[in-house]
Protein backbone atom coordinates (compact mmCIF):
# COMPACT_ATOMS: atom_id res chain seq x y z
CA MET A 1 186.78 31.96 70.88
CA LYS A 2 187.22 35.18 68.92
CA ILE A 3 188.82 34.87 65.49
CA ALA A 4 189.53 37.96 63.38
CA VAL A 5 190.28 37.69 59.67
CA VAL A 6 192.50 40.66 58.80
CA SER A 7 194.95 41.86 56.17
CA GLY A 8 197.63 44.50 55.83
CA LYS A 9 196.09 45.78 52.61
CA GLY A 10 192.77 45.57 50.83
CA GLY A 11 192.00 43.39 47.85
CA VAL A 12 193.73 40.21 49.01
CA GLY A 13 190.50 38.22 49.41
CA LYS A 14 189.95 38.68 53.15
CA SER A 15 186.16 38.97 53.00
CA SER A 16 185.81 36.13 50.50
CA ILE A 17 187.63 33.88 52.94
CA SER A 18 185.92 35.11 56.11
CA THR A 19 182.39 34.72 54.74
CA SER A 20 183.10 31.09 53.83
CA LEU A 21 184.71 30.41 57.20
CA ALA A 22 181.67 31.86 58.95
CA LYS A 23 179.35 29.47 57.13
CA LEU A 24 181.63 26.49 57.72
CA PHE A 25 182.01 27.24 61.43
CA SER A 26 178.24 27.61 61.78
CA LYS A 27 177.76 23.95 60.84
CA ASP A 28 179.73 22.72 63.85
CA PHE A 29 179.58 25.56 66.38
CA ASN A 30 177.25 28.15 67.82
CA ILE A 31 178.64 31.29 66.17
CA VAL A 32 178.02 34.98 65.59
CA ALA A 33 179.61 36.78 62.64
CA LEU A 34 180.75 40.40 62.88
CA ASP A 35 181.62 42.59 59.92
CA CYS A 36 183.91 45.22 61.43
CA ASP A 37 185.03 46.64 58.11
CA VAL A 38 182.58 49.49 58.69
CA ASP A 39 183.99 51.70 55.91
CA ALA A 40 183.03 49.06 53.33
CA PRO A 41 180.99 46.20 54.86
CA ASN A 42 180.10 43.37 52.51
CA PHE A 43 179.07 40.38 54.65
CA ASN A 44 175.46 41.48 54.16
CA LEU A 45 176.02 41.59 50.40
CA MET A 46 177.63 38.14 50.17
CA PHE A 47 174.87 36.60 52.28
CA ASN A 48 172.26 38.49 50.23
CA VAL A 49 170.58 39.97 53.31
CA LYS A 50 167.05 41.20 52.62
CA ASP A 51 165.75 41.82 56.14
CA LYS A 52 167.89 43.79 58.55
CA ARG A 53 167.18 45.34 61.92
CA LEU A 54 168.68 48.62 63.07
CA LEU A 55 170.33 47.99 66.43
CA GLU A 56 171.85 51.37 67.14
CA ILE A 57 172.62 54.78 65.69
CA ILE A 58 176.09 56.05 66.55
CA TYR A 59 176.51 59.77 67.10
CA ARG A 60 179.51 62.04 67.35
CA GLU A 61 179.72 65.50 68.84
CA VAL A 62 180.24 68.48 66.55
CA TYR A 63 179.74 72.19 67.16
CA LYS A 64 177.55 74.95 65.76
CA ILE A 65 177.50 78.74 66.06
CA ASN A 66 174.35 80.31 67.47
CA ASN A 67 172.89 83.84 67.37
CA ASN A 68 175.12 85.09 70.20
CA CYS A 69 178.02 85.33 67.74
CA ILE A 70 179.52 88.85 67.32
CA LYS A 71 181.96 87.66 64.63
CA CYS A 72 185.11 88.44 66.59
CA GLY A 73 187.02 85.76 64.66
CA LYS A 74 188.69 84.01 67.61
CA CYS A 75 187.12 80.68 66.68
CA LEU A 76 188.47 80.91 63.12
CA ASN A 77 191.99 81.38 64.42
CA ILE A 78 191.84 78.54 66.98
CA CYS A 79 190.33 75.87 64.72
CA GLN A 80 193.09 73.52 63.51
CA PHE A 81 190.84 71.76 61.01
CA ASP A 82 189.67 74.75 58.94
CA ALA A 83 186.11 73.76 59.79
CA ILE A 84 184.84 77.34 60.28
CA GLU A 85 184.11 79.55 57.29
CA ASP A 86 181.98 82.71 57.22
CA PHE A 87 181.18 81.99 60.88
CA GLU A 88 179.56 78.67 60.09
CA ILE A 89 180.98 75.33 61.19
CA ASN A 90 181.23 72.60 58.56
CA PRO A 91 180.02 69.45 60.42
CA ILE A 92 182.06 67.17 58.16
CA LEU A 93 185.35 68.99 58.83
CA CYS A 94 184.62 69.53 62.54
CA GLU A 95 186.50 67.00 64.68
CA GLY A 96 184.58 67.85 67.85
CA CYS A 97 187.66 68.96 69.81
CA GLY A 98 185.77 71.85 71.46
CA ALA A 99 188.56 74.43 71.18
CA CYS A 100 186.20 76.93 69.58
CA GLU A 101 183.70 76.60 72.42
CA LEU A 102 186.42 77.11 75.03
CA ILE A 103 187.76 80.30 73.45
CA CYS A 104 184.38 81.91 72.80
CA GLU A 105 183.53 84.54 75.44
CA PHE A 106 179.92 84.97 74.37
CA ASN A 107 178.54 81.39 74.61
CA ALA A 108 178.02 81.52 70.86
CA ILE A 109 179.29 78.01 70.15
CA GLU A 110 177.49 74.94 71.41
CA PRO A 111 177.79 71.17 70.91
CA THR A 112 175.33 69.18 68.85
CA LYS A 113 175.04 65.53 67.85
CA ARG A 114 175.51 64.23 64.32
CA GLU A 115 174.79 60.71 63.06
CA SER A 116 178.10 59.08 62.14
CA GLY A 117 177.18 55.44 61.67
CA TYR A 118 174.68 52.62 62.09
CA ILE A 119 174.74 49.08 63.43
CA TYR A 120 172.52 46.42 61.88
CA GLU A 121 171.65 42.81 62.59
CA SER A 122 170.28 39.97 60.52
CA PHE A 123 170.06 36.18 60.62
CA VAL A 124 171.70 34.21 57.81
CA GLY A 125 171.64 30.76 59.42
CA PHE A 126 173.54 32.42 62.29
CA PRO A 127 173.45 35.96 63.72
CA LEU A 128 175.25 38.58 61.64
CA ILE A 129 176.05 42.03 63.02
CA TRP A 130 177.67 44.75 60.95
CA GLY A 131 178.27 48.47 61.00
CA GLU A 132 178.10 51.15 58.33
CA LEU A 133 179.99 54.41 58.59
CA GLU A 134 178.04 57.40 57.27
CA VAL A 135 179.51 59.01 54.14
CA GLY A 136 182.14 61.61 55.01
CA GLU A 137 182.22 60.65 58.68
CA SER A 138 185.01 59.38 60.92
CA GLY A 139 184.96 57.24 64.03
CA SER A 140 185.26 53.69 62.66
CA GLY A 141 186.84 52.48 65.88
CA LYS A 142 183.91 53.64 67.99
CA ILE A 143 181.41 51.83 65.76
CA ILE A 144 183.48 48.64 65.97
CA GLU A 145 183.45 48.82 69.77
CA HIS A 146 179.65 49.00 69.72
CA ILE A 147 179.38 46.10 67.26
CA LYS A 148 181.38 43.90 69.62
CA ARG A 149 179.22 44.89 72.58
CA HIS A 150 176.08 43.79 70.73
CA ALA A 151 177.69 40.41 69.95
CA LYS A 152 178.09 39.57 73.65
CA LYS A 153 174.37 38.86 74.06
CA TYR A 154 174.70 35.67 71.98
CA LYS A 155 177.38 34.10 74.18
CA ALA A 156 178.59 32.25 71.08
CA GLU A 157 181.27 29.57 71.05
CA VAL A 158 182.90 31.34 68.12
CA GLU A 159 182.92 35.00 67.13
CA LEU A 160 184.09 35.19 63.52
CA ILE A 161 185.14 38.75 62.72
CA ASP A 162 185.82 40.22 59.31
CA GLY A 163 188.24 43.02 60.15
CA PRO A 164 189.27 46.12 58.23
CA PRO A 165 192.45 46.20 56.16
CA GLY A 166 195.49 48.12 57.33
CA VAL A 167 196.97 48.79 60.77
CA GLY A 168 195.07 51.90 61.88
CA CYS A 169 192.52 52.59 64.59
CA PRO A 170 189.79 50.32 63.09
CA LEU A 171 192.18 47.37 63.02
CA ILE A 172 193.29 47.93 66.61
CA SER A 173 189.67 48.20 67.80
CA THR A 174 188.95 44.92 66.03
CA VAL A 175 191.83 42.76 67.22
CA LYS A 176 192.74 44.05 70.69
CA ASP A 177 190.75 41.33 72.50
CA VAL A 178 190.67 38.46 69.98
CA ASP A 179 192.14 35.02 70.61
CA LEU A 180 193.45 34.50 67.09
CA ALA A 181 194.11 36.70 64.07
CA LEU A 182 194.08 35.13 60.63
CA CYS A 183 196.29 37.30 58.42
CA ILE A 184 195.55 37.08 54.69
CA VAL A 185 198.43 37.78 52.32
CA GLU A 186 198.88 37.47 48.56
CA PRO A 187 202.20 36.83 46.75
CA THR A 188 202.98 40.47 45.92
CA LYS A 189 205.63 42.77 47.43
CA SER A 190 203.07 45.34 48.58
CA SER A 191 200.98 42.72 50.35
CA VAL A 192 204.04 41.20 52.05
CA ASN A 193 205.29 44.59 53.23
CA ASP A 194 201.86 45.50 54.61
CA CYS A 195 201.56 42.10 56.26
CA LEU A 196 204.86 42.71 58.07
CA ARG A 197 203.41 45.94 59.48
CA LEU A 198 200.31 44.02 60.52
CA ILE A 199 202.41 41.37 62.26
CA GLU A 200 204.29 44.10 64.12
CA THR A 201 200.98 45.52 65.34
CA LEU A 202 199.70 42.11 66.45
CA ASN A 203 202.95 41.38 68.28
CA PHE A 204 202.66 44.69 70.13
CA PHE A 205 199.28 43.57 71.50
CA ASN A 206 200.49 39.99 72.11
CA ILE A 207 197.89 38.54 69.76
CA GLU A 208 198.43 35.06 68.35
CA TYR A 209 198.25 34.95 64.56
CA LEU A 210 198.39 32.60 61.60
CA ILE A 211 199.19 33.64 58.04
CA VAL A 212 197.13 32.39 55.10
CA GLU A 213 198.35 32.88 51.55
CA ASN A 214 195.61 33.61 49.02
CA LYS A 215 195.98 33.53 45.22
CA LYS A 216 198.98 31.21 45.40
CA GLY A 217 200.66 30.93 42.04
CA ILE A 218 200.17 34.43 40.62
CA ASN A 219 203.75 35.31 41.51
CA GLU A 220 206.85 33.65 42.89
CA ILE A 221 207.89 35.21 46.18
CA ASN A 222 209.94 34.25 49.23
CA TYR A 223 207.92 35.02 52.32
CA PRO A 224 209.78 36.31 55.38
CA PHE A 225 207.26 34.54 57.61
CA LYS A 226 205.71 31.09 57.96
CA ILE A 227 202.62 30.31 55.87
CA PHE A 228 199.97 28.33 57.72
CA HIS A 229 197.86 27.51 54.65
CA SER A 230 197.78 28.40 50.95
CA ILE A 231 194.72 28.90 48.77
CA PRO A 232 195.48 28.60 45.03
CA PHE A 233 194.66 31.30 42.52
CA ASP A 234 191.51 30.31 40.66
CA PHE A 235 189.97 32.13 37.68
CA ASP A 236 186.53 30.85 38.72
CA VAL A 237 186.49 32.75 42.03
CA PRO A 238 185.23 36.06 40.52
CA LYS A 239 182.40 34.17 38.84
CA LEU A 240 181.24 32.79 42.19
CA ILE A 241 181.46 36.21 43.87
CA ALA A 242 179.57 37.91 41.02
CA ASN A 243 176.73 35.44 41.57
CA LYS A 244 176.88 35.82 45.38
CA ILE A 245 178.05 32.24 45.83
CA LEU A 246 180.39 31.70 48.75
CA LEU A 247 183.72 30.02 48.05
CA CYS A 248 182.82 27.14 50.36
CA ASP A 249 179.69 26.46 48.28
CA GLY A 250 181.55 26.22 44.99
CA ASP A 251 183.15 23.24 43.30
CA ILE A 252 186.52 24.69 42.34
CA LYS A 253 190.12 24.42 43.56
CA ALA A 254 189.77 27.38 45.92
CA SER A 255 186.61 25.88 47.42
CA LYS A 256 188.40 22.67 48.31
CA SER A 257 191.30 24.61 49.81
CA ILE A 258 189.15 26.81 52.04
CA LYS A 259 187.44 23.72 53.44
CA GLU A 260 190.88 22.32 54.23
CA LEU A 261 191.71 25.60 55.97
CA TYR A 262 188.58 25.28 58.09
CA GLU A 263 189.49 21.75 59.17
CA LYS A 264 192.89 22.99 60.31
CA LEU A 265 191.37 25.89 62.21
CA LYS A 266 188.93 23.63 64.06
CA GLU A 267 191.88 22.27 66.01
CA PHE A 268 192.30 25.67 67.68
CA ILE A 269 188.76 25.80 69.09
């Protein structure tokens, strides 16, 4: 079973919850954990990973101008991303569309590969696979696709996925083939509005979802959707995170609640 922990916005506690769920699931099931928040992965930080293995380098295609260039300027006019300046192509701004190569009559523009991200693996009591997007690069969705391919080799009973926030390409790459999405929301208007957009996206792909409220009690709000489980706001949570202690390993109100959440989720396996 594939379970993705997602949220409409960042900062609602998604990764704090998913790391604890991964550890709890690992006690009863054969699991693999995937951190698909490749713009800001933190599973490896929370599990204090020391030894990691590079599984794959992800490349993207960009273009460069060679010595055949006569500086006619056609490539400057065709580029929609302002990636060409002084007849040099900025590899960060280049989107790899290839329009410049097509319009050049002198074979002066050629494709080249650029490292855009990396996929790593470690063992933290269970296999953990995560991706890291290179600074200034794009292509999160592609990296997520490769992460999920690497997870198949384990043939795990449960794939626990920490997804990216939002409803963009990375989110769609993460959830398009999952069995259940766990949507994390906090009692704020911005979080509720973003969660509604997330629900709309999940409905479009016919993905079953459950909504978990985190930080219950910081604000009174009427949710326009059904809450599956609520985790209370707890001032001691930041102390646990600062010391790299998972919520499930603590002895606070939130710790008890996340264990209760796990017991409810077990019924779906």
